Amino acid sequence: MHSNLIVARMDSRSSDEVARLFGAFDETEMPHRMGTRRRQLFMFNGLYFHLQDFDGENGGELIEEAKTDPRFVRISQDLKPFIEAFDPATWRSPADAMAKRFYGWESR
């Protein structure tokens, strides 16, 4: 399984609206198109954490292919009032918001 963790800033009062937007998005076939197996949203002290798990190791490739889909474009636009870059001065693309895993463990 492949996982991405996006880190950004979010006012905690926006959590219901952000959850609603993702709920509607996840009811479409878009998660399946992107290979998304699970999505979890977390918040802590003004930070937003978006954990997305994918089937296999090609999650990034499938998201790249889905970026032009009008539903992907729409949710990206709809989230802009609520989610802001962790560091707007250095943000150029979503890759700039991805946490880098430095350790992992799984039960076998």
PDB file of N, CA and C in Angstrom:
ATOM      1  N   MET A   1       0.844  -1.171   0.000  1.00  0.00           N
ATOM      2  CA  MET A   1       0.000   0.000   0.000  1.00  0.00           C
ATOM      3  C   MET A   1       0.894   1.240   0.000  1.00  0.00           C
ATOM      4  N   HIS A   2       0.447   2.276  -0.673  1.00  0.00           N
ATOM      5  CA  HIS A   2       1.129   3.562  -0.736  1.00  0.00           C
ATOM      6  C   HIS A   2       0.313   4.574   0.057  1.00  0.00           C
ATOM      7  N   SER A   3       0.965   5.441   0.809  1.00  0.00           N
ATOM      8  CA  SER A   3       0.271   6.472   1.587  1.00  0.00           C
ATOM      9  C   SER A   3       0.863   7.835   1.301  1.00  0.00           C
ATOM     10  N   ASN A   4       0.016   8.856   1.305  1.00  0.00           N
ATOM     11  CA  ASN A   4       0.432  10.258   1.240  1.00  0.00           C
ATOM     12  C   ASN A   4      -0.116  10.958   2.465  1.00  0.00           C
ATOM     13  N   LEU A   5       0.670  11.860   3.024  1.00  0.00           N
ATOM     14  CA  LEU A   5       0.202  12.696   4.116  1.00  0.00           C
ATOM     15  C   LEU A   5       0.431  14.141   3.708  1.00  0.00           C
ATOM     16  N   ILE A   6      -0.658  14.869   3.542  1.00  0.00           N
ATOM     17  CA  ILE A   6      -0.601  16.278   3.180  1.00  0.00           C
ATOM     18  C   ILE A   6      -0.764  17.090   4.459  1.00  0.00           C
ATOM     19  N   VAL A   7       0.093  18.099   4.628  1.00  0.00           N
ATOM     20  CA  VAL A   7       0.055  18.972   5.797  1.00  0.00           C
ATOM     21  C   VAL A   7      -0.220  20.393   5.315  1.00  0.00           C
ATOM     22  N   ALA A   8      -1.200  21.031   5.922  1.00  0.00           N
ATOM     23  CA  ALA A   8      -1.550  22.402   5.555  1.00  0.00           C
ATOM     24  C   ALA A   8      -2.106  23.098   6.794  1.00  0.00           C
ATOM     25  N   ARG A   9      -2.649  24.277   6.591  1.00  0.00           N
ATOM     26  CA  ARG A   9      -3.250  25.032   7.693  1.00  0.00           C
ATOM     27  C   ARG A   9      -4.759  25.101   7.479  1.00  0.00           C
ATOM     28  N   MET A  10      -5.497  25.011   8.600  1.00  0.00           N
ATOM     29  CA  MET A  10      -6.953  25.074   8.524  1.00  0.00           C
ATOM     30  C   MET A  10      -7.493  25.573   9.854  1.00  0.00           C
ATOM     31  N   ASP A  11      -8.436  26.481   9.788  1.00  0.00           N
ATOM     32  CA  ASP A  11      -9.151  26.918  10.982  1.00  0.00           C
ATOM     33  C   ASP A  11     -10.066  25.769  11.404  1.00  0.00           C
ATOM     34  N   SER A  12     -10.025  25.372  12.650  1.00  0.00           N
ATOM     35  CA  SER A  12     -10.818  24.236  13.111  1.00  0.00           C
ATOM     36  C   SER A  12     -12.317  24.435  12.884  1.00  0.00           C
ATOM     37  N   ARG A  13     -12.769  25.675  12.785  1.00  0.00           N
ATOM     38  CA  ARG A  13     -14.191  25.933  12.531  1.00  0.00           C
ATOM     39  C   ARG A  13     -14.605  25.507  11.124  1.00  0.00           C
ATOM     40  N   SER A  14     -13.641  25.225  10.262  1.00  0.00           N
ATOM     41  CA  SER A  14     -13.917  24.802   8.885  1.00  0.00           C
ATOM     42  C   SER A  14     -14.047  23.291   8.754  1.00  0.00           C
ATOM     43  N   SER A  15     -13.803  22.554   9.809  1.00  0.00           N
ATOM     44  CA  SER A  15     -13.737  21.097   9.695  1.00  0.00           C
ATOM     45  C   SER A  15     -15.035  20.471   9.174  1.00  0.00           C
ATOM     46  N   ASP A  16     -16.177  20.965   9.597  1.00  0.00           N
ATOM     47  CA  ASP A  16     -17.437  20.385   9.119  1.00  0.00           C
ATOM     48  C   ASP A  16     -17.603  20.584   7.615  1.00  0.00           C
ATOM     49  N   GLU A  17     -17.276  21.758   7.130  1.00  0.00           N
ATOM     50  CA  GLU A  17     -17.417  22.030   5.690  1.00  0.00           C
ATOM     51  C   GLU A  17     -16.410  21.225   4.878  1.00  0.00           C
ATOM     52  N   VAL A  18     -15.195  21.127   5.354  1.00  0.00           N
ATOM     53  CA  VAL A  18     -14.178  20.330   4.653  1.00  0.00           C
ATOM     54  C   VAL A  18     -14.610  18.861   4.616  1.00  0.00           C
ATOM     55  N   ALA A  19     -15.109  18.353   5.731  1.00  0.00           N
ATOM     56  CA  ALA A  19     -15.590  16.964   5.774  1.00  0.00           C
ATOM     57  C   ALA A  19     -16.767  16.775   4.819  1.00  0.00           C
ATOM     58  N   ARG A  20     -17.658  17.752   4.741  1.00  0.00           N
ATOM     59  CA  ARG A  20     -18.793  17.663   3.825  1.00  0.00           C
ATOM     60  C   ARG A  20     -18.322  17.609   2.370  1.00  0.00           C
ATOM     61  N   LEU A  21     -17.368  18.473   2.020  1.00  0.00           N
ATOM     62  CA  LEU A  21     -16.846  18.492   0.647  1.00  0.00           C
ATOM     63  C   LEU A  21     -16.213  17.152   0.283  1.00  0.00           C
ATOM     64  N   PHE A  22     -15.396  16.624   1.173  1.00  0.00           N
ATOM     65  CA  PHE A  22     -14.772  15.322   0.886  1.00  0.00           C
ATOM     66  C   PHE A  22     -15.799  14.202   0.894  1.00  0.00           C
ATOM     67  N   GLY A  23     -16.808  14.286   1.757  1.00  0.00           N
ATOM     68  CA  GLY A  23     -17.849  13.264   1.774  1.00  0.00           C
ATOM     69  C   GLY A  23     -18.547  13.178   0.426  1.00  0.00           C
ATOM     70  N   ALA A  24     -18.889  14.332  -0.146  1.00  0.00           N
ATOM     71  CA  ALA A  24     -19.548  14.351  -1.458  1.00  0.00           C
ATOM     72  C   ALA A  24     -18.604  13.835  -2.538  1.00  0.00           C
ATOM     73  N   PHE A  25     -17.339  14.232  -2.486  1.00  0.00           N
ATOM     74  CA  PHE A  25     -16.338  13.795  -3.464  1.00  0.00           C
ATOM     75  C   PHE A  25     -16.140  12.279  -3.386  1.00  0.00           C
ATOM     76  N   ASP A  26     -16.075  11.762  -2.165  1.00  0.00           N
ATOM     77  CA  ASP A  26     -15.811  10.335  -1.981  1.00  0.00           C
ATOM     78  C   ASP A  26     -17.007   9.454  -2.327  1.00  0.00           C
ATOM     79  N   GLU A  27     -18.189  10.054  -2.488  1.00  0.00           N
ATOM     80  CA  GLU A  27     -19.356   9.293  -2.925  1.00  0.00           C
ATOM     81  C   GLU A  27     -19.356   9.066  -4.441  1.00  0.00           C
ATOM     82  N   THR A  28     -18.491   9.774  -5.157  1.00  0.00           N
ATOM     83  CA  THR A  28     -18.376   9.585  -6.608  1.00  0.00           C
ATOM     84  C   THR A  28     -17.397   8.444  -6.875  1.00  0.00           C
ATOM     85  N   GLU A  29     -17.143   8.153  -8.135  1.00  0.00           N
ATOM     86  CA  GLU A  29     -16.158   7.114  -8.467  1.00  0.00           C
ATOM     87  C   GLU A  29     -14.728   7.642  -8.457  1.00  0.00           C
ATOM     88  N   MET A  30     -14.539   8.931  -8.120  1.00  0.00           N
ATOM     89  CA  MET A  30     -13.188   9.508  -8.130  1.00  0.00           C
ATOM     90  C   MET A  30     -12.200   8.770  -7.223  1.00  0.00           C
ATOM     91  N   PRO A  31     -12.557   8.409  -5.991  1.00  0.00           N
ATOM     92  CA  PRO A  31     -11.574   7.675  -5.181  1.00  0.00           C
ATOM     93  C   PRO A  31     -11.099   6.393  -5.865  1.00  0.00           C
ATOM     94  N   HIS A  32     -12.016   5.696  -6.517  1.00  0.00           N
ATOM     95  CA  HIS A  32     -11.637   4.460  -7.211  1.00  0.00           C
ATOM     96  C   HIS A  32     -10.744   4.772  -8.407  1.00  0.00           C
ATOM     97  N   ARG A  33     -11.056   5.853  -9.110  1.00  0.00           N
ATOM     98  CA  ARG A  33     -10.232   6.249 -10.262  1.00  0.00           C
ATOM     99  C   ARG A  33      -8.805   6.564  -9.824  1.00  0.00           C
ATOM    100  N   MET A  34      -8.660   7.155  -8.635  1.00  0.00           N
ATOM    101  CA  MET A  34      -7.344   7.530  -8.119  1.00  0.00           C
ATOM    102  C   MET A  34      -6.669   6.385  -7.364  1.00  0.00           C
ATOM    103  N   GLY A  35      -7.375   5.272  -7.173  1.00  0.00           N
ATOM    104  CA  GLY A  35      -6.809   4.154  -6.430  1.00  0.00           C
ATOM    105  C   GLY A  35      -6.853   4.350  -4.926  1.00  0.00           C
ATOM    106  N   THR A  36      -7.669   5.301  -4.463  1.00  0.00           N
ATOM    107  CA  THR A  36      -7.750   5.593  -3.036  1.00  0.00           C
ATOM    108  C   THR A  36      -8.455   4.457  -2.308  1.00  0.00           C
ATOM    109  N   ARG A  37      -7.797   3.967  -1.313  1.00  0.00           N
ATOM    110  CA  ARG A  37      -8.369   2.899  -0.487  1.00  0.00           C
ATOM    111  C   ARG A  37      -8.994   3.474   0.781  1.00  0.00           C
ATOM    112  N   ARG A  38      -8.361   4.526   1.319  1.00  0.00           N
ATOM    113  CA  ARG A  38      -8.859   5.138   2.558  1.00  0.00           C
ATOM    114  C   ARG A  38      -8.381   6.586   2.613  1.00  0.00           C
ATOM    115  N   ARG A  39      -9.248   7.451   3.145  1.00  0.00           N
ATOM    116  CA  ARG A  39      -8.905   8.860   3.369  1.00  0.00           C
ATOM    117  C   ARG A  39      -9.252   9.179   4.816  1.00  0.00           C
ATOM    118  N   GLN A  40      -8.342   9.836   5.501  1.00  0.00           N
ATOM    119  CA  GLN A  40      -8.592  10.288   6.864  1.00  0.00           C
ATOM    120  C   GLN A  40      -8.121  11.727   6.980  1.00  0.00           C
ATOM    121  N   LEU A  41      -8.931  12.557   7.619  1.00  0.00           N
ATOM    122  CA  LEU A  41      -8.585  13.958   7.839  1.00  0.00           C
ATOM    123  C   LEU A  41      -8.427  14.191   9.334  1.00  0.00           C
ATOM    124  N   PHE A  42      -7.358  14.883   9.688  1.00  0.00           N
ATOM    125  CA  PHE A  42      -7.066  15.197  11.083  1.00  0.00           C
ATOM    126  C   PHE A  42      -6.780  16.684  11.199  1.00  0.00           C
ATOM    127  N   MET A  43      -6.977  17.220  12.401  1.00  0.00           N
ATOM    128  CA  MET A  43      -6.573  18.598  12.676  1.00  0.00           C
ATOM    129  C   MET A  43      -5.926  18.664  14.053  1.00  0.00           C
ATOM    130  N   PHE A  44      -4.999  19.605  14.169  1.00  0.00           N
ATOM    131  CA  PHE A  44      -4.312  19.798  15.444  1.00  0.00           C
ATOM    132  C   PHE A  44      -3.720  21.203  15.459  1.00  0.00           C
ATOM    133  N   ASN A  45      -4.153  22.028  16.394  1.00  0.00           N
ATOM    134  CA  ASN A  45      -3.599  23.368  16.600  1.00  0.00           C
ATOM    135  C   ASN A  45      -3.461  24.168  15.300  1.00  0.00           C
ATOM    136  N   GLY A  46      -4.524  24.210  14.526  1.00  0.00           N
ATOM    137  CA  GLY A  46      -4.510  24.998  13.290  1.00  0.00           C
ATOM    138  C   GLY A  46      -3.879  24.296  12.106  1.00  0.00           C
ATOM    139  N   LEU A  47      -3.485  23.044  12.292  1.00  0.00           N
ATOM    140  CA  LEU A  47      -2.913  22.279  11.192  1.00  0.00           C
ATOM    141  C   LEU A  47      -3.923  21.259  10.685  1.00  0.00           C
ATOM    142  N   TYR A  48      -3.835  20.976   9.426  1.00  0.00           N
ATOM    143  CA  TYR A  48      -4.699  20.032   8.719  1.00  0.00           C
ATOM    144  C   TYR A  48      -3.814  18.903   8.216  1.00  0.00           C
ATOM    145  N   PHE A  49      -4.230  17.683   8.469  1.00  0.00           N
ATOM    146  CA  PHE A  49      -3.497  16.504   8.011  1.00  0.00           C
ATOM    147  C   PHE A  49      -4.455  15.650   7.189  1.00  0.00           C
ATOM    148  N   HIS A  50      -4.058  15.347   5.987  1.00  0.00           N
ATOM    149  CA  HIS A  50      -4.886  14.572   5.056  1.00  0.00           C
ATOM    150  C   HIS A  50      -4.100  13.309   4.706  1.00  0.00           C
ATOM    151  N   LEU A  51      -4.503  12.196   5.323  1.00  0.00           N
ATOM    152  CA  LEU A  51      -3.845  10.911   5.097  1.00  0.00           C
ATOM    153  C   LEU A  51      -4.654  10.139   4.074  1.00  0.00           C
ATOM    154  N   GLN A  52      -3.992   9.760   2.991  1.00  0.00           N
ATOM    155  CA  GLN A  52      -4.664   9.040   1.916  1.00  0.00           C
ATOM    156  C   GLN A  52      -3.857   7.778   1.620  1.00  0.00           C
ATOM    157  N   ASP A  53      -4.534   6.640   1.685  1.00  0.00           N
ATOM    158  CA  ASP A  53      -3.912   5.347   1.407  1.00  0.00           C
ATOM    159  C   ASP A  53      -4.396   4.852   0.054  1.00  0.00           C
ATOM    160  N   PHE A  54      -3.474   4.249  -0.696  1.00  0.00           N
ATOM    161  CA  PHE A  54      -3.753   3.785  -2.046  1.00  0.00           C
ATOM    162  C   PHE A  54      -3.453   2.306  -2.172  1.00  0.00           C
ATOM    163  N   ASP A  55      -4.200   1.653  -3.051  1.00  0.00           N
ATOM    164  CA  ASP A  55      -3.874   0.279  -3.417  1.00  0.00           C
ATOM    165  C   ASP A  55      -2.559   0.306  -4.190  1.00  0.00           C
ATOM    166  N   GLY A  56      -1.697  -0.649  -3.933  1.00  0.00           N
ATOM    167  CA  GLY A  56      -0.438  -0.743  -4.669  1.00  0.00           C
ATOM    168  C   GLY A  56       0.493   0.406  -4.374  1.00  0.00           C
ATOM    169  N   GLU A  57       1.441   0.603  -5.250  1.00  0.00           N
ATOM    170  CA  GLU A  57       2.452   1.652  -5.068  1.00  0.00           C
ATOM    171  C   GLU A  57       2.318   2.777  -6.086  1.00  0.00           C
ATOM    172  N   ASN A  58       1.212   2.826  -6.846  1.00  0.00           N
ATOM    173  CA  ASN A  58       1.109   3.810  -7.918  1.00  0.00           C
ATOM    174  C   ASN A  58       0.106   4.921  -7.626  1.00  0.00           C
ATOM    175  N   GLY A  59      -0.151   5.232  -6.380  1.00  0.00           N
ATOM    176  CA  GLY A  59      -1.115   6.270  -6.034  1.00  0.00           C
ATOM    177  C   GLY A  59      -0.811   7.603  -6.665  1.00  0.00           C
ATOM    178  N   GLY A  60       0.430   8.003  -6.663  1.00  0.00           N
ATOM    179  CA  GLY A  60       0.804   9.286  -7.237  1.00  0.00           C
ATOM    180  C   GLY A  60       0.523   9.364  -8.722  1.00  0.00           C
ATOM    181  N   GLU A  61       0.779   8.298  -9.443  1.00  0.00           N
ATOM    182  CA  GLU A  61       0.540   8.279 -10.883  1.00  0.00           C
ATOM    183  C   GLU A  61      -0.946   8.420 -11.190  1.00  0.00           C
ATOM    184  N   LEU A  62      -1.783   7.707 -10.459  1.00  0.00           N
ATOM    185  CA  LEU A  62      -3.222   7.775 -10.703  1.00  0.00           C
ATOM    186  C   LEU A  62      -3.778   9.150 -10.369  1.00  0.00           C
ATOM    187  N   ILE A  63      -3.268   9.796  -9.330  1.00  0.00           N
ATOM    188  CA  ILE A  63      -3.721  11.149  -8.998  1.00  0.00           C
ATOM    189  C   ILE A  63      -3.327  12.107 -10.116  1.00  0.00           C
ATOM    190  N   GLU A  64      -2.118  11.982 -10.625  1.00  0.00           N
ATOM    191  CA  GLU A  64      -1.690  12.840 -11.736  1.00  0.00           C
ATOM    192  C   GLU A  64      -2.641  12.717 -12.914  1.00  0.00           C
ATOM    193  N   GLU A  65      -3.069  11.496 -13.200  1.00  0.00           N
ATOM    194  CA  GLU A  65      -4.003  11.270 -14.304  1.00  0.00           C
ATOM    195  C   GLU A  65      -5.373  11.871 -14.008  1.00  0.00           C
ATOM    196  N   ALA A  66      -5.778  11.902 -12.747  1.00  0.00           N
ATOM    197  CA  ALA A  66      -7.113  12.387 -12.377  1.00  0.00           C
ATOM    198  C   ALA A  66      -7.180  13.899 -12.234  1.00  0.00           C
ATOM    199  N   LYS A  67      -6.053  14.592 -12.188  1.00  0.00           N
ATOM    200  CA  LYS A  67      -6.040  16.029 -11.908  1.00  0.00           C
ATOM    201  C   LYS A  67      -6.837  16.865 -12.905  1.00  0.00           C
ATOM    202  N   THR A  68      -7.024  16.380 -14.104  1.00  0.00           N
ATOM    203  CA  THR A  68      -7.769  17.151 -15.098  1.00  0.00           C
ATOM    204  C   THR A  68      -9.271  16.859 -15.056  1.00  0.00           C
ATOM    205  N   ASP A  69      -9.678  15.877 -14.287  1.00  0.00           N
ATOM    206  CA  ASP A  69     -11.100  15.558 -14.167  1.00  0.00           C
ATOM    207  C   ASP A  69     -11.815  16.748 -13.520  1.00  0.00           C
ATOM    208  N   PRO A  70     -12.954  17.175 -14.080  1.00  0.00           N
ATOM    209  CA  PRO A  70     -13.656  18.338 -13.524  1.00  0.00           C
ATOM    210  C   PRO A  70     -14.003  18.202 -12.037  1.00  0.00           C
ATOM    211  N   ARG A  71     -14.247  16.984 -11.556  1.00  0.00           N
ATOM    212  CA  ARG A  71     -14.562  16.792 -10.130  1.00  0.00           C
ATOM    213  C   ARG A  71     -13.340  17.048  -9.265  1.00  0.00           C
ATOM    214  N   PHE A  72     -12.159  16.664  -9.738  1.00  0.00           N
ATOM    215  CA  PHE A  72     -10.918  16.924  -9.001  1.00  0.00           C
ATOM    216  C   PHE A  72     -10.650  18.426  -8.976  1.00  0.00           C
ATOM    217  N   VAL A  73     -10.810  19.058 -10.130  1.00  0.00           N
ATOM    218  CA  VAL A  73     -10.603  20.512 -10.224  1.00  0.00           C
ATOM    219  C   VAL A  73     -11.579  21.234  -9.299  1.00  0.00           C
ATOM    220  N   ARG A  74     -12.838  20.785  -9.284  1.00  0.00           N
ATOM    221  CA  ARG A  74     -13.871  21.436  -8.467  1.00  0.00           C
ATOM    222  C   ARG A  74     -13.562  21.331  -6.981  1.00  0.00           C
ATOM    223  N   ILE A  75     -13.205  20.135  -6.495  1.00  0.00           N
ATOM    224  CA  ILE A  75     -12.944  20.026  -5.051  1.00  0.00           C
ATOM    225  C   ILE A  75     -11.707  20.833  -4.671  1.00  0.00           C
ATOM    226  N   SER A  76     -10.730  20.874  -5.555  1.00  0.00           N
ATOM    227  CA  SER A  76      -9.540  21.693  -5.274  1.00  0.00           C
ATOM    228  C   SER A  76      -9.934  23.155  -5.105  1.00  0.00           C
ATOM    229  N   GLN A  77     -10.806  23.655  -5.969  1.00  0.00           N
ATOM    230  CA  GLN A  77     -11.272  25.037  -5.869  1.00  0.00           C
ATOM    231  C   GLN A  77     -12.151  25.241  -4.631  1.00  0.00           C
ATOM    232  N   ASP A  78     -13.033  24.283  -4.372  1.00  0.00           N
ATOM    233  CA  ASP A  78     -13.948  24.404  -3.231  1.00  0.00           C
ATOM    234  C   ASP A  78     -13.221  24.406  -1.892  1.00  0.00           C
ATOM    235  N   LEU A  79     -12.063  23.756  -1.824  1.00  0.00           N
ATOM    236  CA  LEU A  79     -11.305  23.690  -0.571  1.00  0.00           C
ATOM    237  C   LEU A  79     -10.452  24.933  -0.317  1.00  0.00           C
ATOM    238  N   LYS A  80     -10.190  25.720  -1.346  1.00  0.00           N
ATOM    239  CA  LYS A  80      -9.291  26.880  -1.202  1.00  0.00           C
ATOM    240  C   LYS A  80      -9.677  27.846  -0.086  1.00  0.00           C
ATOM    241  N   PRO A  81     -10.957  28.130   0.141  1.00  0.00           N
ATOM    242  CA  PRO A  81     -11.283  29.051   1.242  1.00  0.00           C
ATOM    243  C   PRO A  81     -10.978  28.480   2.635  1.00  0.00           C
ATOM    244  N   PHE A  82     -10.794  27.170   2.725  1.00  0.00           N
ATOM    245  CA  PHE A  82     -10.652  26.520   4.028  1.00  0.00           C
ATOM    246  C   PHE A  82      -9.252  25.995   4.322  1.00  0.00           C
ATOM    247  N   ILE A  83      -8.535  25.594   3.289  1.00  0.00           N
ATOM    248  CA  ILE A  83      -7.221  24.983   3.455  1.00  0.00           C
ATOM    249  C   ILE A  83      -6.177  25.911   2.828  1.00  0.00           C
ATOM    250  N   GLU A  84      -5.151  26.244   3.584  1.00  0.00           N
ATOM    251  CA  GLU A  84      -4.087  27.076   3.015  1.00  0.00           C
ATOM    252  C   GLU A  84      -2.743  26.381   3.183  1.00  0.00           C
ATOM    253  N   ALA A  85      -1.839  26.714   2.322  1.00  0.00           N
ATOM    254  CA  ALA A  85      -0.512  26.098   2.332  1.00  0.00           C
ATOM    255  C   ALA A  85       0.151  26.293   3.693  1.00  0.00           C
ATOM    256  N   PHE A  86       0.898  25.298   4.117  1.00  0.00           N
ATOM    257  CA  PHE A  86       1.643  25.396   5.369  1.00  0.00           C
ATOM    258  C   PHE A  86       2.597  26.581   5.305  1.00  0.00           C
ATOM    259  N   ASP A  87       3.307  26.714   4.172  1.00  0.00           N
ATOM    260  CA  ASP A  87       4.219  27.838   3.954  1.00  0.00           C
ATOM    261  C   ASP A  87       3.935  28.427   2.578  1.00  0.00           C
ATOM    262  N   PRO A  88       3.058  29.427   2.502  1.00  0.00           N
ATOM    263  CA  PRO A  88       2.685  29.988   1.202  1.00  0.00           C
ATOM    264  C   PRO A  88       3.870  30.518   0.393  1.00  0.00           C
ATOM    265  N   ALA A  89       4.943  30.915   1.061  1.00  0.00           N
ATOM    266  CA  ALA A  89       6.105  31.466   0.349  1.00  0.00           C
ATOM    267  C   ALA A  89       6.836  30.405  -0.464  1.00  0.00           C
ATOM    268  N   THR A  90       6.735  29.146  -0.062  1.00  0.00           N
ATOM    269  CA  THR A  90       7.474  28.096  -0.764  1.00  0.00           C
ATOM    270  C   THR A  90       6.570  27.124  -1.518  1.00  0.00           C
ATOM    271  N   TRP A  91       5.252  27.267  -1.396  1.00  0.00           N
ATOM    272  CA  TRP A  91       4.329  26.325  -2.027  1.00  0.00           C
ATOM    273  C   TRP A  91       4.234  26.592  -3.522  1.00  0.00           C
ATOM    274  N   ARG A  92       4.488  25.547  -4.311  1.00  0.00           N
ATOM    275  CA  ARG A  92       4.356  25.625  -5.763  1.00  0.00           C
ATOM    276  C   ARG A  92       3.382  24.585  -6.288  1.00  0.00           C
ATOM    277  N   SER A  93       3.275  23.461  -5.585  1.00  0.00           N
ATOM    278  CA  SER A  93       2.381  22.387  -6.010  1.00  0.00           C
ATOM    279  C   SER A  93       2.037  21.534  -4.787  1.00  0.00           C
ATOM    280  N   PRO A  94       1.054  20.634  -4.917  1.00  0.00           N
ATOM    281  CA  PRO A  94       0.713  19.771  -3.777  1.00  0.00           C
ATOM    282  C   PRO A  94       1.901  18.965  -3.249  1.00  0.00           C
ATOM    283  N   ALA A  95       2.875  18.687  -4.087  1.00  0.00           N
ATOM    284  CA  ALA A  95       4.051  17.948  -3.621  1.00  0.00           C
ATOM    285  C   ALA A  95       4.781  18.696  -2.508  1.00  0.00           C
ATOM    286  N   ASP A  96       4.654  20.019  -2.494  1.00  0.00           N
ATOM    287  CA  ASP A  96       5.306  20.824  -1.454  1.00  0.00           C
ATOM    288  C   ASP A  96       4.606  20.705  -0.105  1.00  0.00           C
ATOM    289  N   ALA A  97       3.435  20.077  -0.072  1.00  0.00           N
ATOM    290  CA  ALA A  97       2.689  19.907   1.171  1.00  0.00           C
ATOM    291  C   ALA A  97       2.746  18.476   1.692  1.00  0.00           C
ATOM    292  N   MET A  98       3.469  17.605   0.984  1.00  0.00           N
ATOM    293  CA  MET A  98       3.520  16.189   1.363  1.00  0.00           C
ATOM    294  C   MET A  98       4.596  15.953   2.406  1.00  0.00           C
ATOM    295  N   ALA A  99       4.181  15.327   3.499  1.00  0.00           N
ATOM    296  CA  ALA A  99       5.155  14.927   4.513  1.00  0.00           C
ATOM    297  C   ALA A  99       5.988  13.774   3.955  1.00  0.00           C
ATOM    298  N   LYS A 100       7.213  13.689   4.394  1.00  0.00           N
ATOM    299  CA  LYS A 100       8.098  12.609   3.950  1.00  0.00           C
ATOM    300  C   LYS A 100       8.225  11.582   5.073  1.00  0.00           C
ATOM    301  N   ARG A 101       7.893  10.346   4.740  1.00  0.00           N
ATOM    302  CA  ARG A 101       8.000   9.272   5.727  1.00  0.00           C
ATOM    303  C   ARG A 101       9.481   8.987   5.976  1.00  0.00           C
ATOM    304  N   PHE A 102       9.846   8.874   7.227  1.00  0.00           N
ATOM    305  CA  PHE A 102      11.229   8.534   7.554  1.00  0.00           C
ATOM    306  C   PHE A 102      11.327   7.256   8.385  1.00  0.00           C
ATOM    307  N   TYR A 103      10.157   6.651   8.707  1.00  0.00           N
ATOM    308  CA  TYR A 103      10.155   5.389   9.423  1.00  0.00           C
ATOM    309  C   TYR A 103       8.804   4.730   9.206  1.00  0.00           C
ATOM    310  N   GLY A 104       8.790   3.436   9.109  1.00  0.00           N
ATOM    311  CA  GLY A 104       7.540   2.695   8.995  1.00  0.00           C
ATOM    312  C   GLY A 104       7.666   1.324   9.614  1.00  0.00           C
ATOM    313  N   TRP A 105       6.579   0.802  10.108  1.00  0.00           N
ATOM    314  CA  TRP A 105       6.536  -0.541  10.687  1.00  0.00           C
ATOM    315  C   TRP A 105       5.169  -1.120  10.431  1.00  0.00           C
ATOM    316  N   GLU A 106       5.095  -2.401  10.172  1.00  0.00           N
ATOM    317  CA  GLU A 106       3.830  -3.095   9.988  1.00  0.00           C
ATOM    318  C   GLU A 106       3.871  -4.422  10.719  1.00  0.00           C
ATOM    319  N   SER A 107       2.745  -4.808  11.257  1.00  0.00           N
ATOM    320  CA  SER A 107       2.611  -6.139  11.849  1.00  0.00           C
ATOM    321  C   SER A 107       2.541  -7.153  10.728  1.00  0.00           C
ATOM    322  N   ARG A 108       3.183  -8.259  10.906  1.00  0.00           N
ATOM    323  CA  ARG A 108       3.174  -9.281   9.841  1.00  0.00           C
ATOM    324  C   ARG A 108       2.532 -10.539  10.327  1.00  0.00           C
TER     325      ARG A 108
END
